[in-house]
All heavy atoms as atom14 arrays in JSON, in Angstrom:
{
  "sequence": "AMGDQGNADVLLVHAPADEVKLVQKGTVINRQ",
  "atom14_mask": [
    [1, 1, 1, 1, 1, 0, 0, 0, 0, 0, 0, 0, 0, 0],
    [1, 1, 1, 1, 1, 1, 1, 1, 0, 0, 0, 0, 0, 0],
    [1, 1, 1, 1, 0, 0, 0, 0, 0, 0, 0, 0, 0, 0],
    [1, 1, 1, 1, 1, 1, 1, 1, 0, 0, 0, 0, 0, 0],
    [1, 1, 1, 1, 1, 1, 1, 1, 1, 0, 0, 0, 0, 0],
    [1, 1, 1, 1, 0, 0, 0, 0, 0, 0, 0, 0, 0, 0],
    [1, 1, 1, 1, 1, 1, 1, 1, 0, 0, 0, 0, 0, 0],
    [1, 1, 1, 1, 1, 0, 0, 0, 0, 0, 0, 0, 0, 0],
    [1, 1, 1, 1, 1, 1, 1, 1, 0, 0, 0, 0, 0, 0],
    [1, 1, 1, 1, 1, 1, 1, 0, 0, 0, 0, 0, 0, 0],
    [1, 1, 1, 1, 1, 1, 1, 1, 0, 0, 0, 0, 0, 0],
    [1, 1, 1, 1, 1, 1, 1, 1, 0, 0, 0, 0, 0, 0],
    [1, 1, 1, 1, 1, 1, 1, 0, 0, 0, 0, 0, 0, 0],
    [1, 1, 1, 1, 1, 1, 1, 1, 1, 1, 0, 0, 0, 0],
    [1, 1, 1, 1, 1, 0, 0, 0, 0, 0, 0, 0, 0, 0],
    [1, 1, 1, 1, 1, 1, 1, 0, 0, 0, 0, 0, 0, 0],
    [1, 1, 1, 1, 1, 0, 0, 0, 0, 0, 0, 0, 0, 0],
    [1, 1, 1, 1, 1, 1, 1, 1, 0, 0, 0, 0, 0, 0],
    [1, 1, 1, 1, 1, 1, 1, 1, 1, 0, 0, 0, 0, 0],
    [1, 1, 1, 1, 1, 1, 1, 0, 0, 0, 0, 0, 0, 0],
    [1, 1, 1, 1, 1, 1, 1, 1, 1, 0, 0, 0, 0, 0],
    [1, 1, 1, 1, 1, 1, 1, 1, 0, 0, 0, 0, 0, 0],
    [1, 1, 1, 1, 1, 1, 1, 0, 0, 0, 0, 0, 0, 0],
    [1, 1, 1, 1, 1, 1, 1, 1, 1, 0, 0, 0, 0, 0],
    [1, 1, 1, 1, 1, 1, 1, 1, 1, 0, 0, 0, 0, 0],
    [1, 1, 1, 1, 0, 0, 0, 0, 0, 0, 0, 0, 0, 0],
    [1, 1, 1, 1, 1, 1, 1, 0, 0, 0, 0, 0, 0, 0],
    [1, 1, 1, 1, 1, 1, 1, 0, 0, 0, 0, 0, 0, 0],
    [1, 1, 1, 1, 1, 1, 1, 1, 0, 0, 0, 0, 0, 0],
    [1, 1, 1, 1, 1, 1, 1, 1, 0, 0, 0, 0, 0, 0],
    [1, 1, 1, 1, 1, 1, 1, 1, 1, 1, 1, 0, 0, 0],
    [1, 1, 1, 1, 1, 1, 1, 1, 1, 0, 0, 0, 0, 0]
  ],
  "atom14_positions": [
    [[38.23, 60.68, -3.8], [39.75, 61.03, -3.99], [40.27, 60.17, -5.11], [41.12, 60.65, -5.9], [40.41, 60.68, -2.75], [0.0, 0.0, 0.0], [0.0, 0.0, 0.0], [0.0, 0.0, 0.0], [0.0, 0.0, 0.0], [0.0, 0.0, 0.0], [0.0, 0.0, 0.0], [0.0, 0.0, 0.0], [0.0, 0.0, 0.0], [0.0, 0.0, 0.0]],
    [[39.79, 58.86, -5.23], [40.3, 58.0, -6.38], [39.96, 58.64, -7.75], [40.69, 58.75, -8.64], [39.68, 56.68, -6.31], [40.21, 55.79, -5.26], [39.45, 54.14, -5.22], [40.15, 53.38, -6.84], [0.0, 0.0, 0.0], [0.0, 0.0, 0.0], [0.0, 0.0, 0.0], [0.0, 0.0, 0.0], [0.0, 0.0, 0.0], [0.0, 0.0, 0.0]],
    [[38.64, 59.2, -7.81], [38.33, 59.9, -9.03], [39.04, 61.16, -9.22], [39.5, 61.48, -10.38], [0.0, 0.0, 0.0], [0.0, 0.0, 0.0], [0.0, 0.0, 0.0], [0.0, 0.0, 0.0], [0.0, 0.0, 0.0], [0.0, 0.0, 0.0], [0.0, 0.0, 0.0], [0.0, 0.0, 0.0], [0.0, 0.0, 0.0], [0.0, 0.0, 0.0]],
    [[39.34, 61.89, -8.18], [40.01, 63.09, -8.32], [41.46, 62.99, -8.72], [42.09, 63.87, -9.19], [39.97, 63.89, -6.88], [40.1, 65.46, -7.05], [39.98, 65.92, -8.21], [40.56, 65.99, -6.01], [0.0, 0.0, 0.0], [0.0, 0.0, 0.0], [0.0, 0.0, 0.0], [0.0, 0.0, 0.0], [0.0, 0.0, 0.0], [0.0, 0.0, 0.0]],
    [[41.99, 61.83, -8.43], [43.37, 61.42, -8.84], [43.5, 60.7, -10.14], [44.66, 60.32, -10.54], [44.08, 60.62, -7.66], [44.19, 61.43, -6.36], [44.37, 60.62, -5.17], [44.6, 59.37, -5.32], [44.28, 61.14, -3.98], [0.0, 0.0, 0.0], [0.0, 0.0, 0.0], [0.0, 0.0, 0.0], [0.0, 0.0, 0.0], [0.0, 0.0, 0.0]],
    [[42.36, 60.38, -10.75], [42.4, 59.68, -12.01], [42.62, 58.23, -11.76], [43.02, 57.5, -12.75], [0.0, 0.0, 0.0], [0.0, 0.0, 0.0], [0.0, 0.0, 0.0], [0.0, 0.0, 0.0], [0.0, 0.0, 0.0], [0.0, 0.0, 0.0], [0.0, 0.0, 0.0], [0.0, 0.0, 0.0], [0.0, 0.0, 0.0], [0.0, 0.0, 0.0]],
    [[42.39, 57.69, -10.68], [42.67, 56.35, -10.31], [41.35, 55.35, -10.43], [41.36, 54.3, -9.89], [43.23, 56.1, -8.9], [44.62, 56.75, -8.83], [45.43, 56.63, -9.77], [44.97, 57.36, -7.7], [0.0, 0.0, 0.0], [0.0, 0.0, 0.0], [0.0, 0.0, 0.0], [0.0, 0.0, 0.0], [0.0, 0.0, 0.0], [0.0, 0.0, 0.0]],
    [[40.32, 55.95, -11.07], [39.15, 55.22, -11.19], [38.59, 55.67, -12.56], [38.8, 56.76, -13.04], [38.09, 55.39, -10.11], [0.0, 0.0, 0.0], [0.0, 0.0, 0.0], [0.0, 0.0, 0.0], [0.0, 0.0, 0.0], [0.0, 0.0, 0.0], [0.0, 0.0, 0.0], [0.0, 0.0, 0.0], [0.0, 0.0, 0.0], [0.0, 0.0, 0.0]],
    [[37.62, 54.83, -13.17], [36.96, 55.23, -14.31], [35.54, 55.83, -14.06], [35.02, 56.61, -14.81], [36.8, 54.05, -15.27], [38.19, 53.44, -15.58], [39.12, 54.2, -16.02], [38.28, 52.23, -15.44], [0.0, 0.0, 0.0], [0.0, 0.0, 0.0], [0.0, 0.0, 0.0], [0.0, 0.0, 0.0], [0.0, 0.0, 0.0], [0.0, 0.0, 0.0]],
    [[34.9, 55.27, -13.08], [33.49, 55.7, -12.82], [33.3, 55.48, -11.25], [33.97, 54.76, -10.5], [32.58, 54.63, -13.55], [32.67, 53.26, -13.12], [31.07, 55.15, -13.45], [0.0, 0.0, 0.0], [0.0, 0.0, 0.0], [0.0, 0.0, 0.0], [0.0, 0.0, 0.0], [0.0, 0.0, 0.0], [0.0, 0.0, 0.0], [0.0, 0.0, 0.0]],
    [[32.42, 56.47, -10.76], [32.12, 56.39, -9.39], [30.65, 56.2, -9.0], [29.81, 56.69, -9.69], [32.53, 57.89, -8.76], [33.89, 58.4, -9.12], [34.05, 59.78, -8.48], [35.04, 57.57, -8.71], [0.0, 0.0, 0.0], [0.0, 0.0, 0.0], [0.0, 0.0, 0.0], [0.0, 0.0, 0.0], [0.0, 0.0, 0.0], [0.0, 0.0, 0.0]],
    [[30.36, 55.49, -7.93], [29.09, 55.36, -7.46], [29.13, 55.65, -5.95], [29.56, 54.88, -5.15], [28.51, 53.9, -7.71], [27.13, 53.65, -7.18], [26.12, 54.42, -7.78], [26.9, 52.1, -7.27], [0.0, 0.0, 0.0], [0.0, 0.0, 0.0], [0.0, 0.0, 0.0], [0.0, 0.0, 0.0], [0.0, 0.0, 0.0], [0.0, 0.0, 0.0]],
    [[28.66, 56.91, -5.58], [28.88, 57.44, -4.22], [27.65, 58.17, -3.64], [26.67, 58.29, -4.3], [29.98, 58.29, -4.21], [31.33, 57.6, -4.45], [29.93, 59.4, -5.29], [0.0, 0.0, 0.0], [0.0, 0.0, 0.0], [0.0, 0.0, 0.0], [0.0, 0.0, 0.0], [0.0, 0.0, 0.0], [0.0, 0.0, 0.0], [0.0, 0.0, 0.0]],
    [[27.75, 58.53, -2.42], [26.54, 59.14, -1.71], [26.98, 60.3, -0.84], [26.68, 60.27, 0.37], [25.75, 58.02, -0.95], [26.58, 57.48, 0.07], [26.0, 57.06, 1.38], [27.74, 56.92, 0.27], [26.72, 56.5, 2.13], [27.86, 56.39, 1.48], [0.0, 0.0, 0.0], [0.0, 0.0, 0.0], [0.0, 0.0, 0.0], [0.0, 0.0, 0.0]],
    [[27.64, 61.3, -1.36], [27.98, 62.55, -0.74], [27.77, 63.64, -1.63], [28.7, 64.3, -2.18], [29.42, 62.51, -0.25], [0.0, 0.0, 0.0], [0.0, 0.0, 0.0], [0.0, 0.0, 0.0], [0.0, 0.0, 0.0], [0.0, 0.0, 0.0], [0.0, 0.0, 0.0], [0.0, 0.0, 0.0], [0.0, 0.0, 0.0], [0.0, 0.0, 0.0]],
    [[26.48, 64.04, -1.86], [26.16, 64.99, -2.89], [26.95, 66.33, -2.9], [27.34, 66.81, -3.95], [24.63, 65.27, -2.65], [24.16, 64.05, -2.1], [25.3, 63.56, -1.21], [0.0, 0.0, 0.0], [0.0, 0.0, 0.0], [0.0, 0.0, 0.0], [0.0, 0.0, 0.0], [0.0, 0.0, 0.0], [0.0, 0.0, 0.0], [0.0, 0.0, 0.0]],
    [[27.13, 66.87, -1.74], [27.9, 68.21, -1.71], [29.37, 67.98, -2.24], [29.72, 68.86, -2.93], [27.82, 68.72, -0.31], [0.0, 0.0, 0.0], [0.0, 0.0, 0.0], [0.0, 0.0, 0.0], [0.0, 0.0, 0.0], [0.0, 0.0, 0.0], [0.0, 0.0, 0.0], [0.0, 0.0, 0.0], [0.0, 0.0, 0.0], [0.0, 0.0, 0.0]],
    [[29.97, 66.92, -1.84], [31.42, 66.78, -2.2], [31.5, 66.28, -3.74], [32.34, 66.69, -4.5], [32.04, 65.69, -1.41], [32.2, 66.25, 0.07], [32.96, 67.19, 0.15], [31.58, 65.7, 0.88], [0.0, 0.0, 0.0], [0.0, 0.0, 0.0], [0.0, 0.0, 0.0], [0.0, 0.0, 0.0], [0.0, 0.0, 0.0], [0.0, 0.0, 0.0]],
    [[30.4, 65.63, -4.2], [30.26, 65.2, -5.59], [30.24, 66.45, -6.45], [30.97, 66.5, -7.47], [29.11, 64.37, -5.84], [29.11, 63.0, -5.11], [27.76, 62.44, -5.02], [26.92, 62.75, -5.93], [27.39, 61.62, -4.14], [0.0, 0.0, 0.0], [0.0, 0.0, 0.0], [0.0, 0.0, 0.0], [0.0, 0.0, 0.0], [0.0, 0.0, 0.0]],
    [[29.37, 67.43, -6.08], [29.2, 68.64, -6.9], [30.62, 69.41, -6.93], [30.87, 70.03, -7.98], [28.16, 69.55, -6.2], [28.18, 71.01, -6.84], [26.81, 68.84, -6.37], [0.0, 0.0, 0.0], [0.0, 0.0, 0.0], [0.0, 0.0, 0.0], [0.0, 0.0, 0.0], [0.0, 0.0, 0.0], [0.0, 0.0, 0.0], [0.0, 0.0, 0.0]],
    [[31.35, 69.38, -5.94], [32.7, 70.02, -6.1], [33.55, 69.48, -7.16], [34.3, 70.11, -7.88], [33.52, 69.87, -4.66], [32.76, 70.7, -3.54], [33.55, 70.4, -2.18], [32.88, 71.11, -1.12], [33.53, 70.78, 0.21], [0.0, 0.0, 0.0], [0.0, 0.0, 0.0], [0.0, 0.0, 0.0], [0.0, 0.0, 0.0], [0.0, 0.0, 0.0]],
    [[33.51, 68.13, -7.3], [34.2, 67.49, -8.36], [33.67, 67.89, -9.76], [34.38, 67.98, -10.73], [34.35, 65.93, -8.2], [35.07, 65.39, -6.98], [35.27, 63.94, -7.27], [36.5, 66.05, -6.93], [0.0, 0.0, 0.0], [0.0, 0.0, 0.0], [0.0, 0.0, 0.0], [0.0, 0.0, 0.0], [0.0, 0.0, 0.0], [0.0, 0.0, 0.0]],
    [[32.36, 68.03, -9.78], [31.69, 68.32, -11.0], [32.15, 69.79, -11.47], [32.53, 70.09, -12.63], [30.18, 68.38, -10.93], [29.58, 68.95, -12.18], [29.72, 66.97, -10.72], [0.0, 0.0, 0.0], [0.0, 0.0, 0.0], [0.0, 0.0, 0.0], [0.0, 0.0, 0.0], [0.0, 0.0, 0.0], [0.0, 0.0, 0.0], [0.0, 0.0, 0.0]],
    [[32.15, 70.74, -10.47], [32.56, 72.03, -10.67], [34.11, 72.18, -11.13], [34.5, 73.03, -11.84], [32.27, 72.91, -9.44], [30.83, 73.17, -9.18], [30.65, 73.75, -7.75], [31.54, 73.73, -6.87], [29.45, 74.29, -7.57], [0.0, 0.0, 0.0], [0.0, 0.0, 0.0], [0.0, 0.0, 0.0], [0.0, 0.0, 0.0], [0.0, 0.0, 0.0]],
    [[34.85, 71.23, -10.6], [36.31, 71.25, -11.0], [36.55, 70.53, -12.36], [37.57, 70.74, -12.92], [37.17, 70.3, -10.06], [37.35, 71.03, -8.65], [38.09, 69.96, -7.62], [39.37, 69.69, -8.22], [40.12, 68.81, -7.24], [0.0, 0.0, 0.0], [0.0, 0.0, 0.0], [0.0, 0.0, 0.0], [0.0, 0.0, 0.0], [0.0, 0.0, 0.0]],
    [[35.48, 69.93, -12.81], [35.57, 69.31, -14.13], [36.27, 67.94, -14.08], [36.61, 67.25, -15.05], [0.0, 0.0, 0.0], [0.0, 0.0, 0.0], [0.0, 0.0, 0.0], [0.0, 0.0, 0.0], [0.0, 0.0, 0.0], [0.0, 0.0, 0.0], [0.0, 0.0, 0.0], [0.0, 0.0, 0.0], [0.0, 0.0, 0.0], [0.0, 0.0, 0.0]],
    [[36.36, 67.38, -12.79], [36.95, 66.04, -12.56], [36.11, 64.94, -13.12], [36.47, 63.9, -13.46], [37.42, 65.84, -11.17], [38.35, 66.97, -10.81], [38.1, 64.47, -10.89], [0.0, 0.0, 0.0], [0.0, 0.0, 0.0], [0.0, 0.0, 0.0], [0.0, 0.0, 0.0], [0.0, 0.0, 0.0], [0.0, 0.0, 0.0], [0.0, 0.0, 0.0]],
    [[34.82, 65.18, -12.74], [33.84, 64.13, -13.22], [32.69, 64.84, -14.1], [32.5, 66.0, -14.09], [33.03, 63.44, -11.99], [34.11, 62.72, -11.08], [32.41, 64.52, -11.17], [0.0, 0.0, 0.0], [0.0, 0.0, 0.0], [0.0, 0.0, 0.0], [0.0, 0.0, 0.0], [0.0, 0.0, 0.0], [0.0, 0.0, 0.0], [0.0, 0.0, 0.0]],
    [[32.21, 63.91, -14.94], [31.1, 64.42, -15.88], [29.96, 63.35, -15.82], [30.09, 62.29, -15.34], [31.66, 64.5, -17.32], [32.31, 63.16, -17.72], [32.68, 65.71, -17.44], [32.85, 63.14, -19.17], [0.0, 0.0, 0.0], [0.0, 0.0, 0.0], [0.0, 0.0, 0.0], [0.0, 0.0, 0.0], [0.0, 0.0, 0.0], [0.0, 0.0, 0.0]],
    [[28.83, 63.77, -16.53], [27.74, 62.83, -16.68], [27.27, 62.31, -15.32], [27.0, 61.07, -15.15], [28.12, 61.71, -17.58], [26.85, 60.87, -18.08], [25.82, 61.4, -18.08], [27.11, 59.68, -18.52], [0.0, 0.0, 0.0], [0.0, 0.0, 0.0], [0.0, 0.0, 0.0], [0.0, 0.0, 0.0], [0.0, 0.0, 0.0], [0.0, 0.0, 0.0]],
    [[27.11, 63.17, -14.3], [26.62, 62.78, -12.97], [25.13, 62.54, -13.06], [24.47, 63.47, -13.44], [26.99, 63.82, -12.0], [26.46, 63.56, -10.57], [27.06, 64.73, -9.62], [26.65, 64.54, -8.35], [25.58, 65.32, -7.72], [25.03, 66.13, -8.58], [25.19, 65.19, -6.49], [0.0, 0.0, 0.0], [0.0, 0.0, 0.0], [0.0, 0.0, 0.0]],
    [[24.67, 61.38, -12.54], [23.21, 61.05, -12.71], [22.63, 60.44, -11.39], [23.49, 59.69, -10.72], [23.11, 59.94, -13.75], [23.58, 60.33, -15.24], [22.6, 61.2, -15.91], [21.46, 61.36, -15.54], [23.04, 61.9, -16.86], [0.0, 0.0, 0.0], [0.0, 0.0, 0.0], [0.0, 0.0, 0.0], [0.0, 0.0, 0.0], [0.0, 0.0, 0.0]]
  ]
}
């Protein structure tokens, strides 16, 4: 949610299905 609101610069997380949703929205890039 912090990433989705622009309140963080980088994320390190462990919920792949929800991460992919943010990738599809264009909210996050360079997911590794």
